[in-house]
Amino acid sequence: MIDVLLEFDGADQAEWFQKVLVDSAADKRLQPEEQLANLRDQIDQILDIYSDIQQQLKEGAGEREKDLKKFLEMAEKDMARLNREINQIEEKGENP
């Protein structure tokens, strides 16, 4: 994950910009509970995608099989990364 600092005139009033900041699970301004909820939402989305891909593979993906397996691997890595982030936040909460 890459954190980026972006400053520009009117950033406080730019609704699109504020949405991006709020939706980011890495946003340090979010409370740990919000970060955890965002991370869990992301995991839920990835699990839905993962399930859809597995279903496509079971039904026979033909030419797409190689790509679908690559997407499964990417989803597994993303879920592992998100779980690590959850563990880090939970550990910080136990040891402030």
PDB file of N, CA and C in Angstrom:
ATOM      1  N   MET A   1       0.844  -1.165   0.000  1.00  0.00           N
ATOM      2  CA  MET A   1       0.000   0.000   0.000  1.00  0.00           C
ATOM      3  C   MET A   1       0.891   1.229   0.000  1.00  0.00           C
ATOM      4  N   ILE A   2       0.432   2.234  -0.720  1.00  0.00           N
ATOM      5  CA  ILE A   2       1.180   3.475  -0.803  1.00  0.00           C
ATOM      6  C   ILE A   2       0.320   4.588  -0.242  1.00  0.00           C
ATOM      7  N   ASP A   3       0.872   5.347   0.695  1.00  0.00           N
ATOM      8  CA  ASP A   3       0.196   6.520   1.229  1.00  0.00           C
ATOM      9  C   ASP A   3       0.689   7.732   0.472  1.00  0.00           C
ATOM     10  N   VAL A   4      -0.228   8.616   0.115  1.00  0.00           N
ATOM     11  CA  VAL A   4       0.122   9.809  -0.644  1.00  0.00           C
ATOM     12  C   VAL A   4      -0.447  11.029   0.065  1.00  0.00           C
ATOM     13  N   LEU A   5       0.359  12.059   0.190  1.00  0.00           N
ATOM     14  CA  LEU A   5      -0.096  13.334   0.734  1.00  0.00           C
ATOM     15  C   LEU A   5      -0.419  14.229  -0.453  1.00  0.00           C
ATOM     16  N   LEU A   6      -1.668  14.674  -0.507  1.00  0.00           N
ATOM     17  CA  LEU A   6      -2.114  15.528  -1.600  1.00  0.00           C
ATOM     18  C   LEU A   6      -2.719  16.783  -1.002  1.00  0.00           C
ATOM     19  N   GLU A   7      -2.151  17.919  -1.356  1.00  0.00           N
ATOM     20  CA  GLU A   7      -2.657  19.198  -0.869  1.00  0.00           C
ATOM     21  C   GLU A   7      -2.943  20.085  -2.070  1.00  0.00           C
ATOM     22  N   PHE A   8      -4.098  20.746  -2.019  1.00  0.00           N
ATOM     23  CA  PHE A   8      -4.428  21.713  -3.055  1.00  0.00           C
ATOM     24  C   PHE A   8      -5.461  22.687  -2.509  1.00  0.00           C
ATOM     25  N   ASP A   9      -5.549  23.852  -3.136  1.00  0.00           N
ATOM     26  CA  ASP A   9      -6.524  24.861  -2.705  1.00  0.00           C
ATOM     27  C   ASP A   9      -7.929  24.288  -2.849  1.00  0.00           C
ATOM     28  N   GLY A  10      -8.716  24.414  -1.803  1.00  0.00           N
ATOM     29  CA  GLY A  10     -10.089  23.941  -1.846  1.00  0.00           C
ATOM     30  C   GLY A  10     -10.265  22.477  -1.506  1.00  0.00           C
ATOM     31  N   ALA A  11      -9.228  21.835  -0.993  1.00  0.00           N
ATOM     32  CA  ALA A  11      -9.321  20.405  -0.668  1.00  0.00           C
ATOM     33  C   ALA A  11     -10.415  20.131   0.359  1.00  0.00           C
ATOM     34  N   ASP A  12     -10.589  21.067   1.283  1.00  0.00           N
ATOM     35  CA  ASP A  12     -11.614  20.883   2.307  1.00  0.00           C
ATOM     36  C   ASP A  12     -13.020  20.919   1.725  1.00  0.00           C
ATOM     37  N   GLN A  13     -13.199  21.657   0.636  1.00  0.00           N
ATOM     38  CA  GLN A  13     -14.517  21.781   0.027  1.00  0.00           C
ATOM     39  C   GLN A  13     -14.748  20.774  -1.099  1.00  0.00           C
ATOM     40  N   ALA A  14     -13.712  20.110  -1.547  1.00  0.00           N
ATOM     41  CA  ALA A  14     -13.827  19.153  -2.658  1.00  0.00           C
ATOM     42  C   ALA A  14     -14.445  17.848  -2.152  1.00  0.00           C
ATOM     43  N   GLU A  15     -15.729  17.693  -2.438  1.00  0.00           N
ATOM     44  CA  GLU A  15     -16.458  16.533  -1.933  1.00  0.00           C
ATOM     45  C   GLU A  15     -15.836  15.219  -2.416  1.00  0.00           C
ATOM     46  N   TRP A  16     -15.436  15.155  -3.698  1.00  0.00           N
ATOM     47  CA  TRP A  16     -14.843  13.930  -4.228  1.00  0.00           C
ATOM     48  C   TRP A  16     -13.575  13.564  -3.468  1.00  0.00           C
ATOM     49  N   PHE A  17     -12.817  14.575  -3.088  1.00  0.00           N
ATOM     50  CA  PHE A  17     -11.558  14.342  -2.376  1.00  0.00           C
ATOM     51  C   PHE A  17     -11.818  13.842  -0.961  1.00  0.00           C
ATOM     52  N   GLN A  18     -12.798  14.434  -0.299  1.00  0.00           N
ATOM     53  CA  GLN A  18     -13.128  14.009   1.062  1.00  0.00           C
ATOM     54  C   GLN A  18     -13.644  12.575   1.078  1.00  0.00           C
ATOM     55  N   LYS A  19     -14.398  12.193   0.061  1.00  0.00           N
ATOM     56  CA  LYS A  19     -14.896  10.810  -0.021  1.00  0.00           C
ATOM     57  C   LYS A  19     -13.739   9.821  -0.131  1.00  0.00           C
ATOM     58  N   VAL A  20     -12.754  10.176  -0.913  1.00  0.00           N
ATOM     59  CA  VAL A  20     -11.596   9.294  -1.072  1.00  0.00           C
ATOM     60  C   VAL A  20     -10.872   9.135   0.257  1.00  0.00           C
ATOM     61  N   LEU A  21     -10.726  10.226   0.979  1.00  0.00           N
ATOM     62  CA  LEU A  21     -10.050  10.166   2.269  1.00  0.00           C
ATOM     63  C   LEU A  21     -10.837   9.328   3.265  1.00  0.00           C
ATOM     64  N   VAL A  22     -12.120   9.513   3.322  1.00  0.00           N
ATOM     65  CA  VAL A  22     -12.947   8.794   4.282  1.00  0.00           C
ATOM     66  C   VAL A  22     -13.021   7.320   3.948  1.00  0.00           C
ATOM     67  N   ASP A  23     -13.063   6.977   2.665  1.00  0.00           N
ATOM     68  CA  ASP A  23     -13.194   5.586   2.253  1.00  0.00           C
ATOM     69  C   ASP A  23     -11.894   4.801   2.386  1.00  0.00           C
ATOM     70  N   SER A  24     -10.804   5.502   2.608  1.00  0.00           N
ATOM     71  CA  SER A  24      -9.516   4.831   2.698  1.00  0.00           C
ATOM     72  C   SER A  24      -9.331   4.200   4.067  1.00  0.00           C
ATOM     73  N   ALA A  25      -9.141   2.879   4.089  1.00  0.00           N
ATOM     74  CA  ALA A  25      -8.935   2.179   5.360  1.00  0.00           C
ATOM     75  C   ALA A  25      -7.610   2.578   5.994  1.00  0.00           C
ATOM     76  N   ALA A  26      -6.702   3.116   5.201  1.00  0.00           N
ATOM     77  CA  ALA A  26      -5.399   3.498   5.735  1.00  0.00           C
ATOM     78  C   ALA A  26      -5.410   4.921   6.292  1.00  0.00           C
ATOM     79  N   ASP A  27      -6.538   5.587   6.194  1.00  0.00           N
ATOM     80  CA  ASP A  27      -6.636   6.957   6.676  1.00  0.00           C
ATOM     81  C   ASP A  27      -6.407   6.976   8.181  1.00  0.00           C
ATOM     82  N   LYS A  28      -5.326   7.597   8.588  1.00  0.00           N
ATOM     83  CA  LYS A  28      -4.936   7.609   9.997  1.00  0.00           C
ATOM     84  C   LYS A  28      -5.913   8.410  10.854  1.00  0.00           C
ATOM     85  N   ARG A  29      -6.742   9.245  10.216  1.00  0.00           N
ATOM     86  CA  ARG A  29      -7.694  10.045  10.970  1.00  0.00           C
ATOM     87  C   ARG A  29      -8.907   9.225  11.400  1.00  0.00           C
ATOM     88  N   LEU A  30      -9.120   8.079  10.777  1.00  0.00           N
ATOM     89  CA  LEU A  30     -10.252   7.243  11.164  1.00  0.00           C
ATOM     90  C   LEU A  30      -9.972   6.576  12.501  1.00  0.00           C
ATOM     91  N   GLN A  31     -11.001   6.381  13.261  1.00  0.00           N
ATOM     92  CA  GLN A  31     -10.878   5.658  14.519  1.00  0.00           C
ATOM     93  C   GLN A  31     -10.624   4.190  14.198  1.00  0.00           C
ATOM     94  N   PRO A  32      -9.978   3.461  15.100  1.00  0.00           N
ATOM     95  CA  PRO A  32      -9.697   2.044  14.843  1.00  0.00           C
ATOM     96  C   PRO A  32     -10.949   1.243  14.476  1.00  0.00           C
ATOM     97  N   GLU A  33     -12.083   1.560  15.092  1.00  0.00           N
ATOM     98  CA  GLU A  33     -13.306   0.827  14.776  1.00  0.00           C
ATOM     99  C   GLU A  33     -13.720   1.057  13.326  1.00  0.00           C
ATOM    100  N   GLU A  34     -13.551   2.291  12.845  1.00  0.00           N
ATOM    101  CA  GLU A  34     -13.879   2.608  11.459  1.00  0.00           C
ATOM    102  C   GLU A  34     -12.910   1.934  10.504  1.00  0.00           C
ATOM    103  N   GLN A  35     -11.633   1.933  10.877  1.00  0.00           N
ATOM    104  CA  GLN A  35     -10.637   1.262  10.047  1.00  0.00           C
ATOM    105  C   GLN A  35     -10.972  -0.223   9.931  1.00  0.00           C
ATOM    106  N   LEU A  36     -11.299  -0.843  11.064  1.00  0.00           N
ATOM    107  CA  LEU A  36     -11.631  -2.270  11.055  1.00  0.00           C
ATOM    108  C   LEU A  36     -12.863  -2.534  10.198  1.00  0.00           C
ATOM    109  N   ALA A  37     -13.871  -1.694  10.326  1.00  0.00           N
ATOM    110  CA  ALA A  37     -15.094  -1.872   9.536  1.00  0.00           C
ATOM    111  C   ALA A  37     -14.800  -1.745   8.046  1.00  0.00           C
ATOM    112  N   ASN A  38     -13.978  -0.761   7.670  1.00  0.00           N
ATOM    113  CA  ASN A  38     -13.616  -0.582   6.263  1.00  0.00           C
ATOM    114  C   ASN A  38     -12.829  -1.783   5.741  1.00  0.00           C
ATOM    115  N   LEU A  39     -11.893  -2.253   6.532  1.00  0.00           N
ATOM    116  CA  LEU A  39     -11.103  -3.416   6.116  1.00  0.00           C
ATOM    117  C   LEU A  39     -11.982  -4.652   5.964  1.00  0.00           C
ATOM    118  N   ARG A  40     -12.900  -4.841   6.890  1.00  0.00           N
ATOM    119  CA  ARG A  40     -13.800  -5.999   6.804  1.00  0.00           C
ATOM    120  C   ARG A  40     -14.730  -5.893   5.601  1.00  0.00           C
ATOM    121  N   ASP A  41     -15.165  -4.684   5.279  1.00  0.00           N
ATOM    122  CA  ASP A  41     -15.975  -4.486   4.077  1.00  0.00           C
ATOM    123  C   ASP A  41     -15.188  -4.853   2.819  1.00  0.00           C
ATOM    124  N   GLN A  42     -13.923  -4.453   2.802  1.00  0.00           N
ATOM    125  CA  GLN A  42     -13.073  -4.794   1.656  1.00  0.00           C
ATOM    126  C   GLN A  42     -12.905  -6.307   1.544  1.00  0.00           C
ATOM    127  N   ILE A  43     -12.713  -6.969   2.678  1.00  0.00           N
ATOM    128  CA  ILE A  43     -12.580  -8.429   2.668  1.00  0.00           C
ATOM    129  C   ILE A  43     -13.860  -9.074   2.150  1.00  0.00           C
ATOM    130  N   ASP A  44     -15.011  -8.567   2.579  1.00  0.00           N
ATOM    131  CA  ASP A  44     -16.290  -9.101   2.090  1.00  0.00           C
ATOM    132  C   ASP A  44     -16.397  -8.971   0.576  1.00  0.00           C
ATOM    133  N   GLN A  45     -15.980  -7.835   0.049  1.00  0.00           N
ATOM    134  CA  GLN A  45     -16.021  -7.636  -1.399  1.00  0.00           C
ATOM    135  C   GLN A  45     -15.087  -8.615  -2.112  1.00  0.00           C
ATOM    136  N   ILE A  46     -13.912  -8.795  -1.563  1.00  0.00           N
ATOM    137  CA  ILE A  46     -12.951  -9.722  -2.165  1.00  0.00           C
ATOM    138  C   ILE A  46     -13.477 -11.155  -2.098  1.00  0.00           C
ATOM    139  N   LEU A  47     -14.109 -11.506  -0.986  1.00  0.00           N
ATOM    140  CA  LEU A  47     -14.674 -12.852  -0.866  1.00  0.00           C
ATOM    141  C   LEU A  47     -15.768 -13.088  -1.901  1.00  0.00           C
ATOM    142  N   ASP A  48     -16.576 -12.069  -2.171  1.00  0.00           N
ATOM    143  CA  ASP A  48     -17.604 -12.192  -3.211  1.00  0.00           C
ATOM    144  C   ASP A  48     -16.963 -12.434  -4.573  1.00  0.00           C
ATOM    145  N   ILE A  49     -15.930 -11.661  -4.870  1.00  0.00           N
ATOM    146  CA  ILE A  49     -15.215 -11.820  -6.142  1.00  0.00           C
ATOM    147  C   ILE A  49     -14.587 -13.205  -6.210  1.00  0.00           C
ATOM    148  N   TYR A  50     -13.946 -13.611  -5.119  1.00  0.00           N
ATOM    149  CA  TYR A  50     -13.285 -14.919  -5.046  1.00  0.00           C
ATOM    150  C   TYR A  50     -14.295 -16.032  -5.326  1.00  0.00           C
ATOM    151  N   SER A  51     -15.454 -15.936  -4.714  1.00  0.00           N
ATOM    152  CA  SER A  51     -16.498 -16.941  -4.893  1.00  0.00           C
ATOM    153  C   SER A  51     -16.974 -16.984  -6.350  1.00  0.00           C
ATOM    154  N   ASP A  52     -17.162 -15.805  -6.937  1.00  0.00           N
ATOM    155  CA  ASP A  52     -17.580 -15.745  -8.342  1.00  0.00           C
ATOM    156  C   ASP A  52     -16.548 -16.385  -9.260  1.00  0.00           C
ATOM    157  N   ILE A  53     -15.296 -16.123  -9.000  1.00  0.00           N
ATOM    158  CA  ILE A  53     -14.227 -16.694  -9.830  1.00  0.00           C
ATOM    159  C   ILE A  53     -14.207 -18.209  -9.681  1.00  0.00           C
ATOM    160  N   GLN A  54     -14.317 -18.694  -8.455  1.00  0.00           N
ATOM    161  CA  GLN A  54     -14.322 -20.143  -8.243  1.00  0.00           C
ATOM    162  C   GLN A  54     -15.489 -20.799  -8.981  1.00  0.00           C
ATOM    163  N   GLN A  55     -16.641 -20.152  -8.963  1.00  0.00           N
ATOM    164  CA  GLN A  55     -17.807 -20.685  -9.659  1.00  0.00           C
ATOM    165  C   GLN A  55     -17.547 -20.758 -11.158  1.00  0.00           C
ATOM    166  N   GLN A  56     -16.933 -19.726 -11.707  1.00  0.00           N
ATOM    167  CA  GLN A  56     -16.604 -19.717 -13.134  1.00  0.00           C
ATOM    168  C   GLN A  56     -15.634 -20.834 -13.474  1.00  0.00           C
ATOM    169  N   LEU A  57     -14.663 -21.068 -12.591  1.00  0.00           N
ATOM    170  CA  LEU A  57     -13.704 -22.151 -12.828  1.00  0.00           C
ATOM    171  C   LEU A  57     -14.387 -23.516 -12.785  1.00  0.00           C
ATOM    172  N   LYS A  58     -15.339 -23.692 -11.868  1.00  0.00           N
ATOM    173  CA  LYS A  58     -16.064 -24.966 -11.770  1.00  0.00           C
ATOM    174  C   LYS A  58     -16.902 -25.230 -13.009  1.00  0.00           C
ATOM    175  N   GLU A  59     -17.459 -24.153 -13.578  1.00  0.00           N
ATOM    176  CA  GLU A  59     -18.311 -24.274 -14.756  1.00  0.00           C
ATOM    177  C   GLU A  59     -17.492 -24.453 -16.028  1.00  0.00           C
ATOM    178  N   GLY A  60     -16.205 -24.299 -15.936  1.00  0.00           N
ATOM    179  CA  GLY A  60     -15.330 -24.425 -17.100  1.00  0.00           C
ATOM    180  C   GLY A  60     -15.058 -23.074 -17.706  1.00  0.00           C
ATOM    181  N   ALA A  61     -13.881 -22.593 -17.515  1.00  0.00           N
ATOM    182  CA  ALA A  61     -13.537 -21.242 -17.946  1.00  0.00           C
ATOM    183  C   ALA A  61     -12.867 -21.205 -19.311  1.00  0.00           C
ATOM    184  N   GLY A  62     -12.471 -22.345 -19.805  1.00  0.00           N
ATOM    185  CA  GLY A  62     -11.834 -22.375 -21.121  1.00  0.00           C
ATOM    186  C   GLY A  62     -10.586 -21.529 -21.177  1.00  0.00           C
ATOM    187  N   GLU A  63     -10.569 -20.621 -22.148  1.00  0.00           N
ATOM    188  CA  GLU A  63      -9.410 -19.758 -22.368  1.00  0.00           C
ATOM    189  C   GLU A  63      -9.129 -18.836 -21.176  1.00  0.00           C
ATOM    190  N   ARG A  64     -10.153 -18.558 -20.402  1.00  0.00           N
ATOM    191  CA  ARG A  64     -10.010 -17.605 -19.288  1.00  0.00           C
ATOM    192  C   ARG A  64      -9.444 -18.254 -18.027  1.00  0.00           C
ATOM    193  N   GLU A  65      -9.255 -19.558 -18.038  1.00  0.00           N
ATOM    194  CA  GLU A  65      -8.839 -20.253 -16.814  1.00  0.00           C
ATOM    195  C   GLU A  65      -7.546 -19.686 -16.237  1.00  0.00           C
ATOM    196  N   LYS A  66      -6.575 -19.450 -17.090  1.00  0.00           N
ATOM    197  CA  LYS A  66      -5.290 -18.926 -16.608  1.00  0.00           C
ATOM    198  C   LYS A  66      -5.476 -17.571 -15.934  1.00  0.00           C
ATOM    199  N   ASP A  67      -6.238 -16.680 -16.568  1.00  0.00           N
ATOM    200  CA  ASP A  67      -6.487 -15.363 -15.987  1.00  0.00           C
ATOM    201  C   ASP A  67      -7.271 -15.475 -14.687  1.00  0.00           C
ATOM    202  N   LEU A  68      -8.276 -16.326 -14.652  1.00  0.00           N
ATOM    203  CA  LEU A  68      -9.081 -16.474 -13.447  1.00  0.00           C
ATOM    204  C   LEU A  68      -8.248 -16.998 -12.285  1.00  0.00           C
ATOM    205  N   LYS A  69      -7.358 -17.930 -12.559  1.00  0.00           N
ATOM    206  CA  LYS A  69      -6.488 -18.434 -11.491  1.00  0.00           C
ATOM    207  C   LYS A  69      -5.562 -17.333 -10.980  1.00  0.00           C
ATOM    208  N   LYS A  70      -5.117 -16.474 -11.885  1.00  0.00           N
ATOM    209  CA  LYS A  70      -4.282 -15.337 -11.480  1.00  0.00           C
ATOM    210  C   LYS A  70      -5.088 -14.400 -10.584  1.00  0.00           C
ATOM    211  N   PHE A  71      -6.362 -14.169 -10.940  1.00  0.00           N
ATOM    212  CA  PHE A  71      -7.219 -13.307 -10.122  1.00  0.00           C
ATOM    213  C   PHE A  71      -7.484 -13.925  -8.754  1.00  0.00           C
ATOM    214  N   LEU A  72      -7.624 -15.248  -8.705  1.00  0.00           N
ATOM    215  CA  LEU A  72      -7.785 -15.927  -7.412  1.00  0.00           C
ATOM    216  C   LEU A  72      -6.569 -15.685  -6.531  1.00  0.00           C
ATOM    217  N   GLU A  73      -5.396 -15.810  -7.125  1.00  0.00           N
ATOM    218  CA  GLU A  73      -4.151 -15.591  -6.379  1.00  0.00           C
ATOM    219  C   GLU A  73      -4.074 -14.149  -5.877  1.00  0.00           C
ATOM    220  N   MET A  74      -4.471 -13.208  -6.718  1.00  0.00           N
ATOM    221  CA  MET A  74      -4.458 -11.801  -6.309  1.00  0.00           C
ATOM    222  C   MET A  74      -5.432 -11.577  -5.149  1.00  0.00           C
ATOM    223  N   ALA A  75      -6.606 -12.188  -5.234  1.00  0.00           N
ATOM    224  CA  ALA A  75      -7.602 -12.037  -4.167  1.00  0.00           C
ATOM    225  C   ALA A  75      -7.075 -12.627  -2.863  1.00  0.00           C
ATOM    226  N   GLU A  76      -6.410 -13.778  -2.944  1.00  0.00           N
ATOM    227  CA  GLU A  76      -5.845 -14.397  -1.736  1.00  0.00           C
ATOM    228  C   GLU A  76      -4.799 -13.489  -1.107  1.00  0.00           C
ATOM    229  N   LYS A  77      -3.957 -12.889  -1.935  1.00  0.00           N
ATOM    230  CA  LYS A  77      -2.928 -11.989  -1.411  1.00  0.00           C
ATOM    231  C   LYS A  77      -3.550 -10.750  -0.781  1.00  0.00           C
ATOM    232  N   ASP A  78      -4.585 -10.210  -1.428  1.00  0.00           N
ATOM    233  CA  ASP A  78      -5.262  -9.041  -0.874  1.00  0.00           C
ATOM    234  C   ASP A  78      -5.913  -9.363   0.461  1.00  0.00           C
ATOM    235  N   MET A  79      -6.555 -10.527   0.547  1.00  0.00           N
ATOM    236  CA  MET A  79      -7.194 -10.912   1.811  1.00  0.00           C
ATOM    237  C   MET A  79      -6.156 -11.090   2.908  1.00  0.00           C
ATOM    238  N   ALA A  80      -5.020 -11.673   2.578  1.00  0.00           N
ATOM    239  CA  ALA A  80      -3.956 -11.855   3.565  1.00  0.00           C
ATOM    240  C   ALA A  80      -3.438 -10.496   4.040  1.00  0.00           C
ATOM    241  N   ARG A  81      -3.260  -9.572   3.102  1.00  0.00           N
ATOM    242  CA  ARG A  81      -2.780  -8.232   3.452  1.00  0.00           C
ATOM    243  C   ARG A  81      -3.790  -7.518   4.349  1.00  0.00           C
ATOM    244  N   LEU A  82      -5.058  -7.584   3.990  1.00  0.00           N
ATOM    245  CA  LEU A  82      -6.090  -6.932   4.797  1.00  0.00           C
ATOM    246  C   LEU A  82      -6.180  -7.552   6.184  1.00  0.00           C
ATOM    247  N   ASN A  83      -6.046  -8.871   6.267  1.00  0.00           N
ATOM    248  CA  ASN A  83      -6.061  -9.534   7.576  1.00  0.00           C
ATOM    249  C   ASN A  83      -4.873  -9.101   8.429  1.00  0.00           C
ATOM    250  N   ARG A  84      -3.713  -8.917   7.792  1.00  0.00           N
ATOM    251  CA  ARG A  84      -2.545  -8.422   8.538  1.00  0.00           C
ATOM    252  C   ARG A  84      -2.816  -7.014   9.078  1.00  0.00           C
ATOM    253  N   GLU A  85      -3.447  -6.179   8.249  1.00  0.00           N
ATOM    254  CA  GLU A  85      -3.771  -4.825   8.696  1.00  0.00           C
ATOM    255  C   GLU A  85      -4.751  -4.861   9.866  1.00  0.00           C
ATOM    256  N   ILE A  86      -5.734  -5.751   9.792  1.00  0.00           N
ATOM    257  CA  ILE A  86      -6.683  -5.901  10.896  1.00  0.00           C
ATOM    258  C   ILE A  86      -5.949  -6.321  12.159  1.00  0.00           C
ATOM    259  N   ASN A  87      -5.066  -7.287  12.041  1.00  0.00           N
ATOM    260  CA  ASN A  87      -4.304  -7.755  13.208  1.00  0.00           C
ATOM    261  C   ASN A  87      -3.463  -6.634  13.806  1.00  0.00           C
ATOM    262  N   GLN A  88      -2.845  -5.811  12.958  1.00  0.00           N
ATOM    263  CA  GLN A  88      -2.029  -4.702  13.454  1.00  0.00           C
ATOM    264  C   GLN A  88      -2.885  -3.690  14.220  1.00  0.00           C
ATOM    265  N   ILE A  89      -4.040  -3.369  13.682  1.00  0.00           N
ATOM    266  CA  ILE A  89      -4.930  -2.413  14.351  1.00  0.00           C
ATOM    267  C   ILE A  89      -5.405  -2.989  15.677  1.00  0.00           C
ATOM    268  N   GLU A  90      -5.779  -4.265  15.680  1.00  0.00           N
ATOM    269  CA  GLU A  90      -6.248  -4.890  16.909  1.00  0.00           C
ATOM    270  C   GLU A  90      -5.140  -4.962  17.955  1.00  0.00           C
ATOM    271  N   GLU A  91      -3.902  -5.238  17.519  1.00  0.00           N
ATOM    272  CA  GLU A  91      -2.775  -5.278  18.461  1.00  0.00           C
ATOM    273  C   GLU A  91      -2.513  -3.903  19.058  1.00  0.00           C
ATOM    274  N   LYS A  92      -2.601  -2.862  18.237  1.00  0.00           N
ATOM    275  CA  LYS A  92      -2.416  -1.506  18.741  1.00  0.00           C
ATOM    276  C   LYS A  92      -3.478  -1.144  19.772  1.00  0.00           C
ATOM    277  N   GLY A  93      -4.690  -1.631  19.541  1.00  0.00           N
ATOM    278  CA  GLY A  93      -5.769  -1.371  20.476  1.00  0.00           C
ATOM    279  C   GLY A  93      -5.557  -2.053  21.808  1.00  0.00           C
ATOM    280  N   GLU A  94      -4.907  -3.203  21.801  1.00  0.00           N
ATOM    281  CA  GLU A  94      -4.627  -3.930  23.034  1.00  0.00           C
ATOM    282  C   GLU A  94      -3.426  -3.362  23.756  1.00  0.00           C
ATOM    283  N   ASN A  95      -2.504  -2.764  22.993  1.00  0.00           N
ATOM    284  CA  ASN A  95      -1.279  -2.200  23.574  1.00  0.00           C
ATOM    285  C   ASN A  95      -1.111  -0.756  23.153  1.00  0.00           C
ATOM    286  N   PRO A  96      -1.924   0.167  23.637  1.00  0.00           N
ATOM    287  CA  PRO A  96      -1.832   1.566  23.208  1.00  0.00           C
ATOM    288  C   PRO A  96      -0.543   2.240  23.597  1.00  0.00           C
TER     289      PRO A  96
END
